[in-house]
Amino acid sequence: MDAKALLIFLVVGAVAGLLASIVVGGGGLLYYVLIGVIGSFVGGFLFSTLKINIATGSPIVNQIITSTIGAIIIVLLARLIA
């Protein structure tokens, strides 16, 4: 992974984490990035397992939606455990 891909990955994670925090609450830039990055893995796994395809026409928008849904799931699960 080159620097540009890593930067895009982190920005997508931050946006997804921010959107998830708007839905379920939370705060802090590091929190947004961390939850968004973890959410991207969870969302990607769930969408591929359930064979869900988001066809918005933009791969970045697809990844942001997938990551946001995964991040929301992570936050809700963490609250259930804690």
N, C-alpha and C. Protein backbone atom coordinates (compact mmCIF):
# COMPACT_ATOMS: atom_id res chain seq x y z
N MET A 1 0.85 -1.17 0.00
CA MET A 1 0.00 0.00 0.00
C MET A 1 0.90 1.23 0.00
N ASP A 2 0.69 2.10 -0.95
CA ASP A 2 1.50 3.31 -1.00
C ASP A 2 0.88 4.40 -0.12
N ALA A 3 1.56 5.52 -0.04
CA ALA A 3 1.14 6.59 0.86
C ALA A 3 -0.22 7.18 0.46
N LYS A 4 -0.46 7.28 -0.84
CA LYS A 4 -1.73 7.84 -1.30
C LYS A 4 -2.90 6.94 -0.91
N ALA A 5 -2.75 5.65 -1.09
CA ALA A 5 -3.80 4.69 -0.73
C ALA A 5 -4.05 4.70 0.77
N LEU A 6 -2.98 4.79 1.56
CA LEU A 6 -3.12 4.84 3.01
C LEU A 6 -3.85 6.11 3.44
N LEU A 7 -3.53 7.22 2.83
CA LEU A 7 -4.19 8.49 3.15
C LEU A 7 -5.68 8.42 2.81
N ILE A 8 -6.01 7.87 1.65
CA ILE A 8 -7.42 7.72 1.26
C ILE A 8 -8.14 6.81 2.24
N PHE A 9 -7.49 5.71 2.63
CA PHE A 9 -8.07 4.77 3.59
C PHE A 9 -8.37 5.46 4.92
N LEU A 10 -7.45 6.29 5.39
CA LEU A 10 -7.65 6.99 6.65
C LEU A 10 -8.72 8.08 6.54
N VAL A 11 -8.77 8.76 5.42
CA VAL A 11 -9.80 9.79 5.22
C VAL A 11 -11.18 9.14 5.14
N VAL A 12 -11.29 8.04 4.41
CA VAL A 12 -12.57 7.32 4.35
C VAL A 12 -12.97 6.85 5.75
N GLY A 13 -12.00 6.34 6.52
CA GLY A 13 -12.27 5.92 7.89
C GLY A 13 -12.74 7.07 8.76
N ALA A 14 -12.12 8.23 8.61
CA ALA A 14 -12.51 9.39 9.40
C ALA A 14 -13.92 9.86 9.04
N VAL A 15 -14.23 9.89 7.76
CA VAL A 15 -15.56 10.31 7.33
C VAL A 15 -16.61 9.31 7.83
N ALA A 16 -16.32 8.02 7.68
CA ALA A 16 -17.26 6.99 8.14
C ALA A 16 -17.45 7.07 9.65
N GLY A 17 -16.37 7.26 10.39
CA GLY A 17 -16.46 7.39 11.84
C GLY A 17 -17.25 8.62 12.24
N LEU A 18 -17.06 9.72 11.53
CA LEU A 18 -17.82 10.94 11.81
C LEU A 18 -19.31 10.72 11.56
N LEU A 19 -19.64 10.09 10.44
CA LEU A 19 -21.04 9.82 10.14
C LEU A 19 -21.66 8.87 11.17
N ALA A 20 -20.90 7.86 11.57
CA ALA A 20 -21.39 6.93 12.58
C ALA A 20 -21.59 7.63 13.91
N SER A 21 -20.70 8.55 14.25
CA SER A 21 -20.84 9.26 15.52
C SER A 21 -22.03 10.21 15.51
N ILE A 22 -22.39 10.71 14.33
CA ILE A 22 -23.59 11.54 14.22
C ILE A 22 -24.83 10.68 14.50
N VAL A 23 -24.80 9.45 14.03
CA VAL A 23 -25.95 8.56 14.21
C VAL A 23 -26.04 8.04 15.64
N VAL A 24 -24.91 7.56 16.21
CA VAL A 24 -24.96 6.91 17.52
C VAL A 24 -24.22 7.65 18.61
N GLY A 25 -23.56 8.75 18.31
CA GLY A 25 -22.85 9.53 19.31
C GLY A 25 -21.39 9.14 19.42
N GLY A 26 -20.61 10.00 20.01
CA GLY A 26 -19.17 9.77 20.15
C GLY A 26 -18.42 11.02 19.77
N GLY A 27 -17.09 10.98 19.86
CA GLY A 27 -16.36 12.17 19.48
C GLY A 27 -14.87 11.99 19.46
N GLY A 28 -14.21 12.93 18.84
CA GLY A 28 -12.77 12.94 18.74
C GLY A 28 -12.28 12.39 17.41
N LEU A 29 -11.31 13.07 16.80
CA LEU A 29 -10.80 12.68 15.49
C LEU A 29 -10.20 11.28 15.50
N LEU A 30 -9.39 10.98 16.51
CA LEU A 30 -8.79 9.65 16.58
C LEU A 30 -9.88 8.58 16.71
N TYR A 31 -10.90 8.87 17.48
CA TYR A 31 -12.04 7.96 17.63
C TYR A 31 -12.72 7.74 16.28
N TYR A 32 -12.94 8.81 15.52
CA TYR A 32 -13.57 8.69 14.21
C TYR A 32 -12.76 7.78 13.29
N VAL A 33 -11.47 8.03 13.23
CA VAL A 33 -10.62 7.25 12.34
C VAL A 33 -10.59 5.79 12.77
N LEU A 34 -10.40 5.55 14.05
CA LEU A 34 -10.32 4.18 14.56
C LEU A 34 -11.61 3.42 14.30
N ILE A 35 -12.74 3.99 14.67
CA ILE A 35 -14.03 3.33 14.47
C ILE A 35 -14.32 3.16 12.98
N GLY A 36 -13.99 4.14 12.18
CA GLY A 36 -14.22 4.06 10.73
C GLY A 36 -13.39 2.98 10.07
N VAL A 37 -12.13 2.86 10.47
CA VAL A 37 -11.25 1.84 9.89
C VAL A 37 -11.72 0.44 10.30
N ILE A 38 -12.02 0.26 11.58
CA ILE A 38 -12.54 -1.03 12.03
C ILE A 38 -13.88 -1.31 11.36
N GLY A 39 -14.71 -0.28 11.25
CA GLY A 39 -16.00 -0.42 10.59
C GLY A 39 -15.89 -0.81 9.12
N SER A 40 -14.84 -0.38 8.46
CA SER A 40 -14.67 -0.75 7.05
C SER A 40 -14.44 -2.24 6.91
N PHE A 41 -13.69 -2.82 7.85
CA PHE A 41 -13.47 -4.27 7.80
C PHE A 41 -14.75 -5.02 8.13
N VAL A 42 -15.45 -4.57 9.16
CA VAL A 42 -16.69 -5.23 9.57
C VAL A 42 -17.75 -5.10 8.47
N GLY A 43 -17.94 -3.89 7.97
CA GLY A 43 -18.91 -3.66 6.91
C GLY A 43 -18.59 -4.43 5.65
N GLY A 44 -17.32 -4.44 5.26
CA GLY A 44 -16.90 -5.19 4.09
C GLY A 44 -17.16 -6.68 4.24
N PHE A 45 -16.86 -7.21 5.43
CA PHE A 45 -17.10 -8.63 5.69
C PHE A 45 -18.59 -8.95 5.63
N LEU A 46 -19.40 -8.12 6.31
CA LEU A 46 -20.85 -8.36 6.32
C LEU A 46 -21.47 -8.24 4.93
N PHE A 47 -21.09 -7.22 4.21
CA PHE A 47 -21.67 -7.02 2.88
C PHE A 47 -21.26 -8.13 1.92
N SER A 48 -20.03 -8.60 2.00
CA SER A 48 -19.62 -9.68 1.12
C SER A 48 -20.27 -11.00 1.54
N THR A 49 -20.41 -11.23 2.85
CA THR A 49 -21.05 -12.45 3.33
C THR A 49 -22.52 -12.49 2.94
N LEU A 50 -23.20 -11.36 3.08
CA LEU A 50 -24.62 -11.28 2.76
C LEU A 50 -24.88 -10.99 1.28
N LYS A 51 -23.80 -10.85 0.51
CA LYS A 51 -23.87 -10.56 -0.92
C LYS A 51 -24.67 -9.28 -1.23
N ILE A 52 -24.39 -8.25 -0.43
CA ILE A 52 -25.02 -6.95 -0.62
C ILE A 52 -24.07 -6.10 -1.46
N ASN A 53 -24.59 -5.51 -2.53
CA ASN A 53 -23.78 -4.67 -3.40
C ASN A 53 -24.39 -3.27 -3.45
N ILE A 54 -23.64 -2.29 -3.03
CA ILE A 54 -24.09 -0.90 -3.10
C ILE A 54 -23.55 -0.33 -4.41
N ALA A 55 -24.42 0.05 -5.28
CA ALA A 55 -24.02 0.55 -6.59
C ALA A 55 -24.38 2.02 -6.72
N THR A 56 -23.54 2.88 -6.14
CA THR A 56 -23.77 4.31 -6.25
C THR A 56 -23.07 4.91 -7.46
N GLY A 57 -22.16 4.15 -8.04
CA GLY A 57 -21.40 4.65 -9.18
C GLY A 57 -20.03 5.18 -8.80
N SER A 58 -19.79 5.34 -7.52
CA SER A 58 -18.50 5.82 -7.04
C SER A 58 -17.95 4.85 -6.00
N PRO A 59 -16.76 4.30 -6.25
CA PRO A 59 -16.19 3.35 -5.29
C PRO A 59 -15.92 3.98 -3.92
N ILE A 60 -15.56 5.25 -3.89
CA ILE A 60 -15.30 5.93 -2.61
C ILE A 60 -16.59 6.06 -1.81
N VAL A 61 -17.67 6.46 -2.47
CA VAL A 61 -18.96 6.58 -1.78
C VAL A 61 -19.43 5.22 -1.29
N ASN A 62 -19.24 4.18 -2.12
CA ASN A 62 -19.59 2.82 -1.69
C ASN A 62 -18.83 2.44 -0.43
N GLN A 63 -17.54 2.74 -0.39
CA GLN A 63 -16.72 2.39 0.77
C GLN A 63 -17.12 3.21 2.00
N ILE A 64 -17.46 4.46 1.82
CA ILE A 64 -17.89 5.29 2.96
C ILE A 64 -19.19 4.74 3.54
N ILE A 65 -20.13 4.36 2.69
CA ILE A 65 -21.40 3.80 3.17
C ILE A 65 -21.15 2.48 3.90
N THR A 66 -20.36 1.61 3.31
CA THR A 66 -20.04 0.32 3.93
C THR A 66 -19.34 0.52 5.26
N SER A 67 -18.36 1.41 5.30
CA SER A 67 -17.61 1.67 6.52
C SER A 67 -18.49 2.29 7.60
N THR A 68 -19.38 3.18 7.20
CA THR A 68 -20.27 3.82 8.18
C THR A 68 -21.19 2.79 8.81
N ILE A 69 -21.77 1.93 8.01
CA ILE A 69 -22.64 0.89 8.56
C ILE A 69 -21.86 -0.04 9.48
N GLY A 70 -20.65 -0.42 9.08
CA GLY A 70 -19.81 -1.24 9.95
C GLY A 70 -19.45 -0.53 11.24
N ALA A 71 -19.16 0.75 11.15
CA ALA A 71 -18.80 1.53 12.35
C ALA A 71 -19.98 1.65 13.30
N ILE A 72 -21.17 1.84 12.77
CA ILE A 72 -22.36 1.90 13.62
C ILE A 72 -22.54 0.57 14.35
N ILE A 73 -22.36 -0.52 13.64
CA ILE A 73 -22.48 -1.85 14.27
C ILE A 73 -21.45 -2.01 15.37
N ILE A 74 -20.21 -1.59 15.12
CA ILE A 74 -19.14 -1.71 16.12
C ILE A 74 -19.47 -0.90 17.37
N VAL A 75 -19.92 0.34 17.18
CA VAL A 75 -20.24 1.19 18.33
C VAL A 75 -21.39 0.60 19.15
N LEU A 76 -22.41 0.13 18.46
CA LEU A 76 -23.56 -0.45 19.17
C LEU A 76 -23.17 -1.73 19.92
N LEU A 77 -22.35 -2.57 19.30
CA LEU A 77 -21.88 -3.78 19.98
C LEU A 77 -21.01 -3.44 21.19
N ALA A 78 -20.15 -2.44 21.03
CA ALA A 78 -19.30 -2.03 22.16
C ALA A 78 -20.14 -1.52 23.33
N ARG A 79 -21.22 -0.81 23.02
CA ARG A 79 -22.09 -0.32 24.09
C ARG A 79 -22.85 -1.45 24.76
N LEU A 80 -23.22 -2.48 24.01
CA LEU A 80 -23.90 -3.62 24.60
C LEU A 80 -22.98 -4.39 25.55
N ILE A 81 -21.70 -4.49 25.17
CA ILE A 81 -20.72 -5.22 25.99
C ILE A 81 -20.38 -4.44 27.24
N ALA A 82 -20.21 -3.13 27.10
CA ALA A 82 -19.78 -2.29 28.24
C ALA A 82 -20.87 -1.91 29.15
